[in-house]
Structures are given as structure tokens and as C-alpha cells.
Amino acid sequence: MNSHRSLIRRVAAASVAVTAALVLAACGGGDGDGDGATNGSHDKPSATASAGSPDGQGGHNAADVSFAQGMIPHHRQAVEMADLAATRASSAEVKKLAAEIKKAQDPEIRTMSGWLRGWGEDVPAEDAGMDHSGHHGMPGMMTPADMTKLEKASGKAFDTAFLELMIKHHEGAVEMARTERSKGSDAAAKALAEEIITSQSAEITRMNTLLGRD
């Protein structure tokens, strides 16, 4: 009888030990799963953020910044050129075109400046497009000689110089806008780039017509 009771106690003790081991294993597995889930939850937002904004800048990228920082002084120079037409051009069509260029590009300068401030990036200084040095590496920017030629011209000579130089300037802007369209990520910046391509390409055609090239 004692032997039988001893066997029962050993079996019961073994059962308790197995149950305890299973409980501990389950708890350990839960901790492991919990850690895995926790780690996974930390990883997923990072992966999502990376996919949503490869540069980590929340919707815009380096190409968008470069586009805005380059196009602002580029536009400013176009506006400066357009201002000269008011007193130097002889053609009413040239004066009208110059006024339209200024009217279109002034608001775009303000828009792009607002983007840069919102992105925490530097807005080009007011005189960045006025030194005419071309050191920005932007296509179509006038050289000091170009601007001197334009400033000294008047009448029909001014009309011709203005149209020839502005065609070159617009072609540079279109090139910059195409780069933004292909490499940028900010929807508003890409939309503006598309508008620049469309409007300035049309103005190039218009200026070539005024020069008698079409």
C-alpha cells in the first residue's frame, strides 16, 4: 500500500512539474512573440516612412529643393529683363510679352519661397539672380555681357536682343522644369514645373515668331 501511494505521489509530482514547465514555456514564448511584435511595430513605421519619403523629408526631396532654389533667382532675372522692356522696347508686342512674363513669374517666386520656408530650407537672397555671374550653374542665365548689352540697347535693337536672350532664358527654365518633373517628388512642385514647361514653351514659339523665325 505504501508503495502504491508513493507511486501515485511521484506521478502527481511529475505531472505538476510537466504542467509548470509547459506554463513557463508558454510564458517564455509569449515574451518572445511580444518582443517580436514590439520590434515589428517599431520597424514598420520606419519602413513606411522610408517608402513614403525616401529622403526622410516628408513628401519632398532634394530635387524639389534644388528646383525651387534655382528657379527663384532664374525667375528674378527674367523679371529684371522684363522690367527693362517697359522703357526700352519699341514693339508693343514685346512690351506686352514682357509684362506677361513679369505677371506670371512674380507670384511663382513667392510660391517657391513659401515652399522653401515650409521645408526649412534657405530662400535665395534677393540679389542672387541679379549678379548675372551664372555661377549657380543654371541653364539660360544671362552673363554680365548679356545684361550689359540689353541695358544699353533701345528701340528695335532692344526688341531683338530681348527676344533672343529671353528665348535662351526660357529654354533654360524649361530644362530645369523637366529635371524637376522627372526627379522631384513634391506634387505641387512637379505641377509648377509642368506649368513652366507648357507656358514658357509657348512663349518661346511666340518670340520666335516675333523674330520672324517661323
Protein backbone atom coordinates (compact mmCIF):
# COMPACT_ATOMS: atom_id res chain seq x y z
CA MET A 1 0.00 0.00 0.00
CA ASN A 2 2.77 2.37 0.90
CA SER A 3 4.50 1.52 -2.34
CA HIS A 4 1.30 2.21 -4.28
CA ARG A 5 0.80 5.58 -2.55
CA SER A 6 4.44 6.51 -3.21
CA LEU A 7 3.98 5.77 -6.90
CA ILE A 8 0.86 7.95 -7.01
CA ARG A 9 2.72 10.81 -5.35
CA ARG A 10 5.60 10.52 -7.82
CA VAL A 11 3.22 10.52 -10.79
CA ALA A 12 1.38 13.55 -9.38
CA ALA A 13 4.63 15.40 -8.75
CA ALA A 14 5.79 14.62 -12.27
CA SER A 15 2.51 15.90 -13.70
CA VAL A 16 2.86 19.13 -11.75
CA ALA A 17 6.41 19.53 -12.97
CA VAL A 18 5.39 18.96 -16.61
CA THR A 19 2.49 21.40 -16.28
CA ALA A 20 4.76 24.03 -14.72
CA ALA A 21 7.28 23.54 -17.50
CA LEU A 22 4.60 23.95 -20.14
CA VAL A 23 3.32 27.12 -18.47
CA LEU A 24 6.82 28.57 -18.27
CA ALA A 25 7.48 27.65 -21.88
CA ALA A 26 4.23 29.28 -22.93
CA CYS A 27 5.09 32.43 -21.00
CA GLY A 28 8.57 32.46 -22.45
CA GLY A 29 7.17 32.06 -25.96
CA GLY A 30 4.72 34.85 -25.29
CA ASP A 31 7.53 37.15 -24.23
CA GLY A 32 9.43 36.25 -27.32
CA ASP A 33 6.40 36.86 -29.52
CA GLY A 34 5.72 40.07 -27.68
CA ASP A 35 9.26 41.27 -28.29
CA GLY A 36 8.97 40.28 -31.89
CA ALA A 37 5.70 42.11 -32.24
CA THR A 38 7.12 45.12 -30.49
CA ASN A 39 10.17 45.12 -32.70
CA GLY A 40 7.99 44.65 -35.72
CA SER A 41 5.80 47.56 -34.72
CA HIS A 42 8.91 49.77 -34.43
CA ASP A 43 10.23 48.59 -37.76
CA LYS A 44 7.05 49.05 -39.77
CA PRO A 45 6.61 52.81 -39.34
CA SER A 46 10.27 53.29 -40.23
CA ALA A 47 9.85 51.22 -43.37
CA THR A 48 6.67 53.06 -44.24
CA ALA A 49 8.32 56.43 -43.71
CA SER A 50 11.23 55.36 -45.86
CA ALA A 51 8.93 54.23 -48.64
CA GLY A 52 6.79 57.33 -48.41
CA SER A 53 9.66 59.81 -48.40
CA PRO A 54 12.97 58.25 -49.44
CA ASP A 55 14.91 61.30 -48.29
CA GLY A 56 13.06 61.48 -44.98
CA GLN A 57 11.79 65.00 -45.75
CA GLY A 58 8.10 64.19 -45.73
CA GLY A 59 6.93 64.35 -49.33
CA HIS A 60 9.60 66.49 -50.99
CA ASN A 61 13.12 65.54 -51.94
CA ALA A 62 16.46 67.11 -52.82
CA ALA A 63 15.38 67.64 -56.43
CA ASP A 64 12.39 69.71 -55.27
CA VAL A 65 14.64 71.88 -53.11
CA SER A 66 17.15 72.33 -55.93
CA PHE A 67 14.35 73.23 -58.34
CA ALA A 68 12.93 75.93 -56.09
CA GLN A 69 16.31 77.34 -55.03
CA GLY A 70 17.41 77.51 -58.67
CA MET A 71 14.20 78.71 -60.25
CA ILE A 72 13.74 81.63 -57.84
CA PRO A 73 16.87 83.55 -58.98
CA HIS A 74 16.21 82.39 -62.54
CA HIS A 75 12.74 83.95 -62.41
CA ARG A 76 14.08 87.08 -60.72
CA GLN A 77 16.47 87.64 -63.61
CA ALA A 78 13.63 87.19 -66.12
CA VAL A 79 11.61 89.78 -64.21
CA GLU A 80 14.58 92.15 -64.26
CA MET A 81 14.85 91.69 -68.02
CA ALA A 82 11.13 92.26 -68.42
CA ASP A 83 11.33 95.49 -66.41
CA LEU A 84 13.81 96.88 -68.95
CA ALA A 85 11.30 96.40 -71.75
CA ALA A 86 8.87 98.92 -70.26
CA THR A 87 11.17 101.84 -71.13
CA ARG A 88 13.46 100.45 -73.83
CA ALA A 89 11.31 98.35 -76.18
CA SER A 90 9.76 99.86 -79.27
CA SER A 91 7.45 96.97 -80.14
CA ALA A 92 4.08 96.89 -78.42
CA GLU A 93 4.16 93.10 -78.69
CA VAL A 94 7.49 92.91 -76.90
CA LYS A 95 6.24 95.20 -74.14
CA LYS A 96 3.09 93.09 -73.78
CA LEU A 97 5.09 89.86 -73.63
CA ALA A 98 7.46 91.30 -71.03
CA ALA A 99 4.55 92.41 -68.85
CA GLU A 100 3.01 88.93 -69.08
CA ILE A 101 6.31 87.30 -68.12
CA LYS A 102 6.58 89.51 -65.03
CA LYS A 103 2.94 88.92 -64.09
CA ALA A 104 3.39 85.14 -64.29
CA GLN A 105 6.77 84.79 -62.64
CA ASP A 106 6.44 87.18 -59.68
CA PRO A 107 3.75 85.01 -58.00
CA GLU A 108 5.75 81.85 -58.76
CA ILE A 109 8.74 83.35 -56.94
CA ARG A 110 6.55 83.94 -53.87
CA THR A 111 5.12 80.43 -54.09
CA MET A 112 8.50 78.72 -54.28
CA SER A 113 9.87 80.92 -51.48
CA GLY A 114 6.97 79.74 -49.31
CA TRP A 115 7.77 76.11 -50.09
CA LEU A 116 11.39 76.52 -49.08
CA ARG A 117 10.47 78.19 -45.79
CA GLY A 118 7.97 75.41 -45.12
CA TRP A 119 10.63 72.79 -45.83
CA GLY A 120 13.12 74.50 -43.54
CA GLU A 121 15.40 75.33 -46.46
CA ASP A 122 17.16 78.58 -47.38
CA VAL A 123 15.43 81.03 -49.70
CA PRO A 124 17.92 82.56 -52.18
CA ALA A 125 18.89 86.13 -51.30
CA GLU A 126 17.16 88.91 -53.22
CA ASP A 127 20.29 89.67 -55.23
CA ALA A 128 21.03 86.03 -56.07
CA GLY A 129 19.62 86.41 -59.55
CA MET A 130 20.97 89.91 -60.11
CA ASP A 131 24.71 89.30 -60.17
CA HIS A 132 24.47 87.75 -63.65
CA SER A 133 27.54 85.66 -62.97
CA GLY A 134 25.97 82.37 -63.98
CA HIS A 135 27.82 80.69 -61.08
CA HIS A 136 24.62 78.95 -59.99
CA GLY A 137 25.09 76.51 -62.86
CA MET A 138 21.56 77.19 -64.04
CA PRO A 139 20.89 76.88 -67.77
CA GLY A 140 19.83 80.01 -69.61
CA MET A 141 21.07 82.54 -67.03
CA MET A 142 22.36 85.75 -68.57
CA THR A 143 26.03 86.66 -68.31
CA PRO A 144 27.21 90.16 -67.33
CA ALA A 145 27.89 90.84 -71.02
CA ASP A 146 24.38 89.75 -71.96
CA MET A 147 22.76 92.05 -69.42
CA THR A 148 25.02 94.98 -70.32
CA LYS A 149 24.06 94.56 -73.96
CA LEU A 150 20.38 94.55 -73.04
CA GLU A 151 20.64 97.52 -70.69
CA LYS A 152 22.41 99.64 -73.31
CA ALA A 153 20.04 98.79 -76.15
CA SER A 154 16.85 100.61 -77.07
CA GLY A 155 14.22 100.60 -79.80
CA LYS A 156 14.36 97.80 -82.35
CA ALA A 157 17.84 96.76 -81.22
CA PHE A 158 16.44 96.19 -77.73
CA ASP A 159 13.47 94.24 -79.11
CA THR A 160 15.78 91.85 -80.96
CA ALA A 161 18.23 91.45 -78.07
CA PHE A 162 15.41 90.96 -75.56
CA LEU A 163 13.71 88.27 -77.65
CA GLU A 164 16.93 86.40 -78.39
CA LEU A 165 18.09 86.45 -74.78
CA MET A 166 14.68 85.62 -73.34
CA ILE A 167 14.36 82.62 -75.65
CA LYS A 168 17.66 81.34 -74.25
CA HIS A 169 16.47 82.12 -70.72
CA HIS A 170 13.15 80.31 -71.24
CA GLU A 171 14.89 77.28 -72.75
CA GLY A 172 16.98 77.05 -69.57
CA ALA A 173 13.88 77.26 -67.39
CA VAL A 174 12.17 74.52 -69.40
CA GLU A 175 15.25 72.32 -68.98
CA MET A 176 15.21 72.87 -65.22
CA ALA A 177 11.48 72.17 -65.07
CA ARG A 178 11.90 68.92 -66.98
CA THR A 179 14.50 67.81 -64.46
CA GLU A 180 12.04 68.56 -61.66
CA ARG A 181 9.29 66.69 -63.47
CA SER A 182 11.43 63.55 -63.74
CA LYS A 183 13.27 63.67 -60.40
CA GLY A 184 11.09 65.65 -57.97
CA SER A 185 8.57 64.12 -55.58
CA ASP A 186 6.53 67.07 -54.28
CA ALA A 187 3.21 67.18 -56.15
CA ALA A 188 2.90 70.97 -56.10
CA ALA A 189 6.47 71.49 -57.29
CA LYS A 190 6.01 68.99 -60.11
CA ALA A 191 2.75 70.70 -61.11
CA LEU A 192 4.51 74.07 -61.27
CA ALA A 193 7.29 72.52 -63.33
CA GLU A 194 4.69 71.21 -65.77
CA GLU A 195 3.12 74.68 -65.99
CA ILE A 196 6.52 76.26 -66.67
CA ILE A 197 7.20 73.77 -69.45
CA THR A 198 3.84 74.47 -71.08
CA SER A 199 3.74 78.25 -70.72
CA GLN A 200 7.36 79.03 -71.47
CA SER A 201 7.48 76.66 -74.45
CA ALA A 202 4.50 78.56 -75.86
CA GLU A 203 6.29 81.87 -75.22
CA ILE A 204 9.41 80.58 -76.99
CA THR A 205 7.27 79.87 -80.06
CA ARG A 206 5.73 83.32 -79.77
CA MET A 207 9.13 85.03 -79.52
CA ASN A 208 10.50 83.11 -82.49
CA THR A 209 7.50 84.33 -84.47
CA LEU A 210 8.22 87.94 -83.45
CA LEU A 211 11.79 87.46 -84.65
CA GLY A 212 10.48 86.18 -87.97
CA ARG A 213 11.91 82.71 -87.45
CA ASP A 214 8.65 80.86 -88.06
